[in-house]
Structure formats: structure tokens, C-alpha cells
């Protein structure tokens, strides 16, 4: 099963933050740049590691909300 999702939805769910936290370990990140209707997504090398406390707090809240709203479907799909 493949269901198209937008980069905005990925970002709003907290998944971009979550994945970038992992990628920061290796000095990488995924960047999303928007310009009107144009979206450019690419990997990049970064010197920084991690995010500030406020960004992390918001990220954890977004991921928690996503899980709360989607866990029944996620669990069901795991048994397919």
C-alpha cells in the first residue's frame, strides 16, 4: 500500500524533525524550501548537531499528536 502524502503533512506531523534529529548524528539533514507553489527538497551536510529546546519540545508534541491520532491504523497495518 502506498498513499501519497505532501511534504507539508510530513513536516506538520513532526516526522521531518524526528528524521533530522537522527540524521544530525551523522552530520546530515533534509531541507524543505518553498517558493510560492514550488517545493524543493534535498539532503544536505550540516555542522550542527540537534535542535534547541523549544524546537525539540514542539517536535515531540507534534509526533505525540500524530501517534495519538493514528495509532489504531498504524497497529492495524502492522498485522497486514
PDB file of N, CA and C in Angstrom:
ATOM      1  N   UNK A   1       0.838  -1.180   0.000  1.00  0.00           N
ATOM      2  CA  UNK A   1       0.000   0.000   0.000  1.00  0.00           C
ATOM      3  C   UNK A   1       0.882   1.242   0.000  1.00  0.00           C
ATOM      4  N   UNK A   2       0.598   2.128  -0.908  1.00  0.00           N
ATOM      5  CA  UNK A   2       1.302   3.400  -0.962  1.00  0.00           C
ATOM      6  C   UNK A   2       0.255   4.501  -1.042  1.00  0.00           C
ATOM      7  N   UNK A   3       0.362   5.457  -0.149  1.00  0.00           N
ATOM      8  CA  UNK A   3      -0.573   6.581  -0.130  1.00  0.00           C
ATOM      9  C   UNK A   3       0.221   7.876  -0.181  1.00  0.00           C
ATOM     10  N   UNK A   4      -0.021   8.675  -1.200  1.00  0.00           N
ATOM     11  CA  UNK A   4       0.691   9.939  -1.360  1.00  0.00           C
ATOM     12  C   UNK A   4       0.417  10.857  -0.175  1.00  0.00           C
ATOM     13  N   UNK A   5       1.471  11.463   0.335  1.00  0.00           N
ATOM     14  CA  UNK A   5       1.379  12.480   1.379  1.00  0.00           C
ATOM     15  C   UNK A   5       2.255  13.656   0.956  1.00  0.00           C
ATOM     16  N   UNK A   6       1.848  14.842   1.306  1.00  0.00           N
ATOM     17  CA  UNK A   6       2.612  16.031   0.932  1.00  0.00           C
ATOM     18  C   UNK A   6       3.774  16.244   1.899  1.00  0.00           C
ATOM     19  N   UNK A   7       4.756  17.005   1.440  1.00  0.00           N
ATOM     20  CA  UNK A   7       5.875  17.366   2.313  1.00  0.00           C
ATOM     21  C   UNK A   7       5.371  18.194   3.496  1.00  0.00           C
ATOM     22  N   UNK A   8       4.337  19.009   3.274  1.00  0.00           N
ATOM     23  CA  UNK A   8       3.769  19.816   4.363  1.00  0.00           C
ATOM     24  C   UNK A   8       3.196  18.912   5.446  1.00  0.00           C
ATOM     25  N   UNK A   9       2.459  17.886   5.037  1.00  0.00           N
ATOM     26  CA  UNK A   9       1.898  16.964   6.023  1.00  0.00           C
ATOM     27  C   UNK A   9       3.013  16.232   6.773  1.00  0.00           C
ATOM     28  N   UNK A  10       4.062  15.834   6.061  1.00  0.00           N
ATOM     29  CA  UNK A  10       5.213  15.181   6.693  1.00  0.00           C
ATOM     30  C   UNK A  10       5.843  16.109   7.727  1.00  0.00           C
ATOM     31  N   UNK A  11       6.010  17.359   7.366  1.00  0.00           N
ATOM     32  CA  UNK A  11       6.601  18.351   8.265  1.00  0.00           C
ATOM     33  C   UNK A  11       5.666  18.641   9.445  1.00  0.00           C
ATOM     34  N   UNK A  12       4.383  18.828   9.169  1.00  0.00           N
ATOM     35  CA  UNK A  12       3.416  19.148  10.219  1.00  0.00           C
ATOM     36  C   UNK A  12       3.243  18.014  11.227  1.00  0.00           C
ATOM     37  N   UNK A  13       3.477  16.778  10.801  1.00  0.00           N
ATOM     38  CA  UNK A  13       3.332  15.627  11.700  1.00  0.00           C
ATOM     39  C   UNK A  13       4.494  15.520  12.687  1.00  0.00           C
ATOM     40  N   UNK A  14       5.578  16.249  12.431  1.00  0.00           N
ATOM     41  CA  UNK A  14       6.765  16.159  13.267  1.00  0.00           C
ATOM     42  C   UNK A  14       7.782  15.163  12.738  1.00  0.00           C
ATOM     43  N   UNK A  15       7.446  14.467  11.662  1.00  0.00           N
ATOM     44  CA  UNK A  15       8.350  13.439  11.136  1.00  0.00           C
ATOM     45  C   UNK A  15       9.628  14.019  10.545  1.00  0.00           C
ATOM     46  N   UNK A  16       9.561  15.193   9.913  1.00  0.00           N
ATOM     47  CA  UNK A  16      10.780  15.811   9.385  1.00  0.00           C
ATOM     48  C   UNK A  16      11.735  16.128  10.528  1.00  0.00           C
ATOM     49  N   UNK A  17      11.212  16.700  11.609  1.00  0.00           N
ATOM     50  CA  UNK A  17      12.045  16.991  12.786  1.00  0.00           C
ATOM     51  C   UNK A  17      12.653  15.697  13.326  1.00  0.00           C
ATOM     52  N   UNK A  18      11.829  14.659  13.446  1.00  0.00           N
ATOM     53  CA  UNK A  18      12.283  13.375  14.010  1.00  0.00           C
ATOM     54  C   UNK A  18      13.414  12.778  13.162  1.00  0.00           C
ATOM     55  N   UNK A  19      13.211  12.732  11.858  1.00  0.00           N
ATOM     56  CA  UNK A  19      14.224  12.176  10.960  1.00  0.00           C
ATOM     57  C   UNK A  19      15.481  13.035  10.976  1.00  0.00           C
ATOM     58  N   UNK A  20      15.319  14.356  11.016  1.00  0.00           N
ATOM     59  CA  UNK A  20      16.502  15.218  11.054  1.00  0.00           C
ATOM     60  C   UNK A  20      17.270  15.073  12.361  1.00  0.00           C
ATOM     61  N   UNK A  21      16.575  14.771  13.460  1.00  0.00           N
ATOM     62  CA  UNK A  21      17.304  14.506  14.721  1.00  0.00           C
ATOM     63  C   UNK A  21      18.243  13.321  14.531  1.00  0.00           C
ATOM     64  N   UNK A  22      17.750  12.284  13.865  1.00  0.00           N
ATOM     65  CA  UNK A  22      18.579  11.101  13.620  1.00  0.00           C
ATOM     66  C   UNK A  22      19.703  11.437  12.639  1.00  0.00           C
ATOM     67  N   UNK A  23      19.367  12.127  11.554  1.00  0.00           N
ATOM     68  CA  UNK A  23      20.369  12.469  10.548  1.00  0.00           C
ATOM     69  C   UNK A  23      21.464  13.386  11.097  1.00  0.00           C
ATOM     70  N   UNK A  24      21.122  14.239  12.048  1.00  0.00           N
ATOM     71  CA  UNK A  24      22.127  15.136  12.650  1.00  0.00           C
ATOM     72  C   UNK A  24      23.274  14.350  13.273  1.00  0.00           C
ATOM     73  N   UNK A  25      22.999  13.163  13.748  1.00  0.00           N
ATOM     74  CA  UNK A  25      24.040  12.314  14.329  1.00  0.00           C
ATOM     75  C   UNK A  25      25.182  12.111  13.342  1.00  0.00           C
ATOM     76  N   UNK A  26      24.842  12.047  12.071  1.00  0.00           N
ATOM     77  CA  UNK A  26      25.814  11.775  11.020  1.00  0.00           C
ATOM     78  C   UNK A  26      26.200  13.021  10.231  1.00  0.00           C
ATOM     79  N   UNK A  27      25.712  14.194  10.678  1.00  0.00           N
ATOM     80  CA  UNK A  27      26.047  15.438  10.007  1.00  0.00           C
ATOM     81  C   UNK A  27      25.234  15.688   8.753  1.00  0.00           C
ATOM     82  N   UNK A  28      24.015  15.156   8.703  1.00  0.00           N
ATOM     83  CA  UNK A  28      23.126  15.321   7.559  1.00  0.00           C
ATOM     84  C   UNK A  28      21.796  15.894   7.997  1.00  0.00           C
ATOM     85  N   UNK A  29      21.037  16.410   7.039  1.00  0.00           N
ATOM     86  CA  UNK A  29      19.668  16.873   7.290  1.00  0.00           C
ATOM     87  C   UNK A  29      18.908  16.880   5.965  1.00  0.00           C
ATOM     88  N   UNK A  30      17.597  16.828   6.062  1.00  0.00           N
ATOM     89  CA  UNK A  30      16.729  17.016   4.914  1.00  0.00           C
ATOM     90  C   UNK A  30      16.194  18.440   4.997  1.00  0.00           C
ATOM     91  N   UNK A  31      16.308  19.171   3.913  1.00  0.00           N
ATOM     92  CA  UNK A  31      15.857  20.558   3.857  1.00  0.00           C
ATOM     93  C   UNK A  31      14.642  20.648   2.935  1.00  0.00           C
ATOM     94  N   UNK A  32      13.637  21.395   3.375  1.00  0.00           N
ATOM     95  CA  UNK A  32      12.475  21.683   2.539  1.00  0.00           C
ATOM     96  C   UNK A  32      12.420  23.190   2.346  1.00  0.00           C
ATOM     97  N   UNK A  33      12.478  23.626   1.103  1.00  0.00           N
ATOM     98  CA  UNK A  33      12.365  25.051   0.784  1.00  0.00           C
ATOM     99  C   UNK A  33      11.138  25.236  -0.104  1.00  0.00           C
ATOM    100  N   UNK A  34      10.325  26.226   0.247  1.00  0.00           N
ATOM    101  CA  UNK A  34       9.145  26.523  -0.564  1.00  0.00           C
ATOM    102  C   UNK A  34       9.252  27.942  -1.108  1.00  0.00           C
ATOM    103  N   UNK A  35       8.816  28.097  -2.338  1.00  0.00           N
ATOM    104  CA  UNK A  35       8.804  29.390  -3.002  1.00  0.00           C
ATOM    105  C   UNK A  35       7.533  29.438  -3.838  1.00  0.00           C
ATOM    106  N   UNK A  36       6.514  30.094  -3.306  1.00  0.00           N
ATOM    107  CA  UNK A  36       5.191  30.119  -3.938  1.00  0.00           C
ATOM    108  C   UNK A  36       4.681  28.689  -4.064  1.00  0.00           C
ATOM    109  N   UNK A  37       4.490  28.195  -5.276  1.00  0.00           N
ATOM    110  CA  UNK A  37       3.988  26.844  -5.475  1.00  0.00           C
ATOM    111  C   UNK A  37       5.100  25.816  -5.663  1.00  0.00           C
ATOM    112  N   UNK A  38       6.335  26.260  -5.670  1.00  0.00           N
ATOM    113  CA  UNK A  38       7.469  25.372  -5.907  1.00  0.00           C
ATOM    114  C   UNK A  38       8.022  24.849  -4.590  1.00  0.00           C
ATOM    115  N   UNK A  39       8.243  23.539  -4.528  1.00  0.00           N
ATOM    116  CA  UNK A  39       8.830  22.908  -3.339  1.00  0.00           C
ATOM    117  C   UNK A  39      10.120  22.229  -3.762  1.00  0.00           C
ATOM    118  N   UNK A  40      11.189  22.495  -3.029  1.00  0.00           N
ATOM    119  CA  UNK A  40      12.483  21.893  -3.305  1.00  0.00           C
ATOM    120  C   UNK A  40      12.916  21.154  -2.037  1.00  0.00           C
ATOM    121  N   UNK A  41      13.155  19.854  -2.159  1.00  0.00           N
ATOM    122  CA  UNK A  41      13.562  19.020  -1.019  1.00  0.00           C
ATOM    123  C   UNK A  41      14.879  18.361  -1.377  1.00  0.00           C
ATOM    124  N   UNK A  42      15.839  18.454  -0.448  1.00  0.00           N
ATOM    125  CA  UNK A  42      17.139  17.859  -0.739  1.00  0.00           C
ATOM    126  C   UNK A  42      17.883  17.535   0.561  1.00  0.00           C
ATOM    127  N   UNK A  43      18.794  16.559   0.500  1.00  0.00           N
ATOM    128  CA  UNK A  43      19.658  16.278   1.648  1.00  0.00           C
ATOM    129  C   UNK A  43      20.829  17.247   1.648  1.00  0.00           C
ATOM    130  N   UNK A  44      21.348  17.529   2.816  1.00  0.00           N
ATOM    131  CA  UNK A  44      22.493  18.435   2.919  1.00  0.00           C
ATOM    132  C   UNK A  44      23.376  18.019   4.091  1.00  0.00           C
ATOM    133  N   UNK A  45      24.629  18.365   4.005  1.00  0.00           N
ATOM    134  CA  UNK A  45      25.559  18.165   5.119  1.00  0.00           C
ATOM    135  C   UNK A  45      25.423  19.371   6.037  1.00  0.00           C
ATOM    136  N   UNK A  46      25.469  19.120   7.346  1.00  0.00           N
ATOM    137  CA  UNK A  46      25.357  20.192   8.338  1.00  0.00           C
ATOM    138  C   UNK A  46      26.446  20.043   9.388  1.00  0.00           C
ATOM    139  N   UNK A  47      26.844  21.172   9.978  1.00  0.00           N
ATOM    140  CA  UNK A  47      27.853  21.149  11.037  1.00  0.00           C
ATOM    141  C   UNK A  47      27.225  21.056  12.415  1.00  0.00           C
ATOM    142  N   UNK A  48      25.967  21.490  12.526  1.00  0.00           N
ATOM    143  CA  UNK A  48      25.325  21.485  13.840  1.00  0.00           C
ATOM    144  C   UNK A  48      24.768  20.100  14.161  1.00  0.00           C
ATOM    145  N   UNK A  49      24.556  19.859  15.431  1.00  0.00           N
ATOM    146  CA  UNK A  49      24.011  18.589  15.899  1.00  0.00           C
ATOM    147  C   UNK A  49      22.853  18.893  16.840  1.00  0.00           C
ATOM    148  N   UNK A  50      21.653  18.493  16.447  1.00  0.00           N
ATOM    149  CA  UNK A  50      20.490  18.667  17.308  1.00  0.00           C
ATOM    150  C   UNK A  50      19.821  20.019  17.130  1.00  0.00           C
ATOM    151  N   UNK A  51      18.750  20.188  17.917  1.00  0.00           N
ATOM    152  CA  UNK A  51      17.930  21.388  17.865  1.00  0.00           C
ATOM    153  C   UNK A  51      17.859  22.022  19.252  1.00  0.00           C
ATOM    154  N   UNK A  52      17.387  23.263  19.301  1.00  0.00           N
ATOM    155  CA  UNK A  52      17.241  23.923  20.595  1.00  0.00           C
ATOM    156  C   UNK A  52      16.050  23.325  21.356  1.00  0.00           C
ATOM    157  N   UNK A  53      15.930  23.649  22.618  1.00  0.00           N
ATOM    158  CA  UNK A  53      14.917  23.049  23.488  1.00  0.00           C
ATOM    159  C   UNK A  53      13.490  23.330  23.004  1.00  0.00           C
ATOM    160  N   UNK A  54      13.228  24.558  22.567  1.00  0.00           N
ATOM    161  CA  UNK A  54      11.885  24.905  22.104  1.00  0.00           C
ATOM    162  C   UNK A  54      11.494  24.083  20.866  1.00  0.00           C
ATOM    163  N   UNK A  55      12.416  23.955  19.921  1.00  0.00           N
ATOM    164  CA  UNK A  55      12.157  23.165  18.714  1.00  0.00           C
ATOM    165  C   UNK A  55      11.918  21.704  19.073  1.00  0.00           C
ATOM    166  N   UNK A  56      12.719  21.159  19.998  1.00  0.00           N
ATOM    167  CA  UNK A  56      12.521  19.774  20.429  1.00  0.00           C
ATOM    168  C   UNK A  56      11.175  19.580  21.113  1.00  0.00           C
ATOM    169  N   UNK A  57      10.798  20.510  21.969  1.00  0.00           N
ATOM    170  CA  UNK A  57       9.507  20.406  22.659  1.00  0.00           C
ATOM    171  C   UNK A  57       8.370  20.373  21.649  1.00  0.00           C
ATOM    172  N   UNK A  58       8.393  21.297  20.694  1.00  0.00           N
ATOM    173  CA  UNK A  58       7.349  21.333  19.665  1.00  0.00           C
ATOM    174  C   UNK A  58       7.370  20.067  18.810  1.00  0.00           C
ATOM    175  N   UNK A  59       8.547  19.565  18.508  1.00  0.00           N
ATOM    176  CA  UNK A  59       8.675  18.339  17.722  1.00  0.00           C
ATOM    177  C   UNK A  59       8.068  17.150  18.443  1.00  0.00           C
ATOM    178  N   UNK A  60       8.392  16.988  19.722  1.00  0.00           N
ATOM    179  CA  UNK A  60       7.821  15.880  20.498  1.00  0.00           C
ATOM    180  C   UNK A  60       6.298  16.010  20.591  1.00  0.00           C
ATOM    181  N   UNK A  61       5.816  17.222  20.733  1.00  0.00           N
ATOM    182  CA  UNK A  61       4.362  17.421  20.799  1.00  0.00           C
ATOM    183  C   UNK A  61       3.696  17.032  19.478  1.00  0.00           C
ATOM    184  N   UNK A  62       4.295  17.405  18.356  1.00  0.00           N
ATOM    185  CA  UNK A  62       3.727  17.060  17.046  1.00  0.00           C
ATOM    186  C   UNK A  62       3.719  15.550  16.822  1.00  0.00           C
ATOM    187  N   UNK A  63       4.830  14.894  17.142  1.00  0.00           N
ATOM    188  CA  UNK A  63       4.903  13.440  16.944  1.00  0.00           C
ATOM    189  C   UNK A  63       3.923  12.734  17.875  1.00  0.00           C
ATOM    190  N   UNK A  64       3.808  13.195  19.117  1.00  0.00           N
ATOM    191  CA  UNK A  64       2.852  12.603  20.060  1.00  0.00           C
ATOM    192  C   UNK A  64       1.425  12.745  19.563  1.00  0.00           C
ATOM    193  N   UNK A  65       1.093  13.917  19.038  1.00  0.00           N
ATOM    194  CA  UNK A  65      -0.248  14.156  18.498  1.00  0.00           C
ATOM    195  C   UNK A  65      -0.505  13.247  17.302  1.00  0.00           C
ATOM    196  N   UNK A  66       0.485  13.121  16.416  1.00  0.00           N
ATOM    197  CA  UNK A  66       0.354  12.250  15.252  1.00  0.00           C
ATOM    198  C   UNK A  66       0.086  10.808  15.699  1.00  0.00           C
ATOM    199  N   UNK A  67       0.858  10.333  16.658  1.00  0.00           N
ATOM    200  CA  UNK A  67       0.668   8.966  17.147  1.00  0.00           C
ATOM    201  C   UNK A  67      -0.701   8.791  17.786  1.00  0.00           C
ATOM    202  N   UNK A  68      -1.114   9.740  18.598  1.00  0.00           N
ATOM    203  CA  UNK A  68      -2.419   9.671  19.255  1.00  0.00           C
ATOM    204  C   UNK A  68      -3.539   9.542  18.222  1.00  0.00           C
ATOM    205  N   UNK A  69      -3.435  10.299  17.140  1.00  0.00           N
ATOM    206  CA  UNK A  69      -4.484  10.299  16.113  1.00  0.00           C
ATOM    207  C   UNK A  69      -4.401   9.117  15.153  1.00  0.00           C
ATOM    208  N   UNK A  70      -3.236   8.465  15.047  1.00  0.00           N
ATOM    209  CA  UNK A  70      -3.038   7.449  14.016  1.00  0.00           C
ATOM    210  C   UNK A  70      -2.677   6.058  14.515  1.00  0.00           C
ATOM    211  N   UNK A  71      -2.500   5.881  15.808  1.00  0.00           N
ATOM    212  CA  UNK A  71      -2.017   4.600  16.314  1.00  0.00           C
ATOM    213  C   UNK A  71      -2.944   3.430  15.988  1.00  0.00           C
ATOM    214  N   UNK A  72      -4.282   3.571  16.000  1.00  0.00           N
ATOM    215  CA  UNK A  72      -5.104   2.410  15.626  1.00  0.00           C
ATOM    216  C   UNK A  72      -4.804   1.925  14.193  1.00  0.00           C
ATOM    217  N   UNK A  73      -4.679   2.860  13.263  1.00  0.00           N
ATOM    218  CA  UNK A  73      -4.381   2.484  11.877  1.00  0.00           C
ATOM    219  C   UNK A  73      -2.964   1.899  11.756  1.00  0.00           C
ATOM    220  N   UNK A  74      -1.997   2.497  12.441  1.00  0.00           N
ATOM    221  CA  UNK A  74      -0.622   2.008  12.400  1.00  0.00           C
ATOM    222  C   UNK A  74      -0.565   0.584  12.935  1.00  0.00           C
ATOM    223  N   UNK A  75      -1.243   0.342  14.039  1.00  0.00           N
ATOM    224  CA  UNK A  75      -1.256  -1.009  14.632  1.00  0.00           C
ATOM    225  C   UNK A  75      -1.938  -2.001  13.696  1.00  0.00           C
ATOM    226  N   UNK A  76      -3.043  -1.616  13.110  1.00  0.00           N
ATOM    227  CA  UNK A  76      -3.780  -2.490  12.194  1.00  0.00           C
ATOM    228  C   UNK A  76      -2.914  -2.830  10.971  1.00  0.00           C
ATOM    229  N   UNK A  77      -2.241  -1.838  10.413  1.00  0.00           N
ATOM    230  CA  UNK A  77      -1.389  -2.068   9.246  1.00  0.00           C
ATOM    231  C   UNK A  77      -0.218  -2.999   9.566  1.00  0.00           C
ATOM    232  N   UNK A  78       0.240  -2.983  10.804  1.00  0.00           N
ATOM    233  CA  UNK A  78       1.356  -3.843  11.184  1.00  0.00           C
ATOM    234  C   UNK A  78       0.977  -5.321  11.145  1.00  0.00           C
ATOM    235  N   UNK A  79      -0.306  -5.615  11.193  1.00  0.00           N
ATOM    236  CA  UNK A  79      -0.767  -7.004  11.168  1.00  0.00           C
ATOM    237  C   UNK A  79      -1.154  -7.461   9.762  1.00  0.00           C
ATOM    238  N   UNK A  80      -1.043  -6.611   8.761  1.00  0.00           N
ATOM    239  CA  UNK A  80      -1.443  -6.974   7.396  1.00  0.00           C
ATOM    240  C   UNK A  80      -0.364  -7.753   6.697  1.00  0.00           C
TER     241      UNK A  80
END
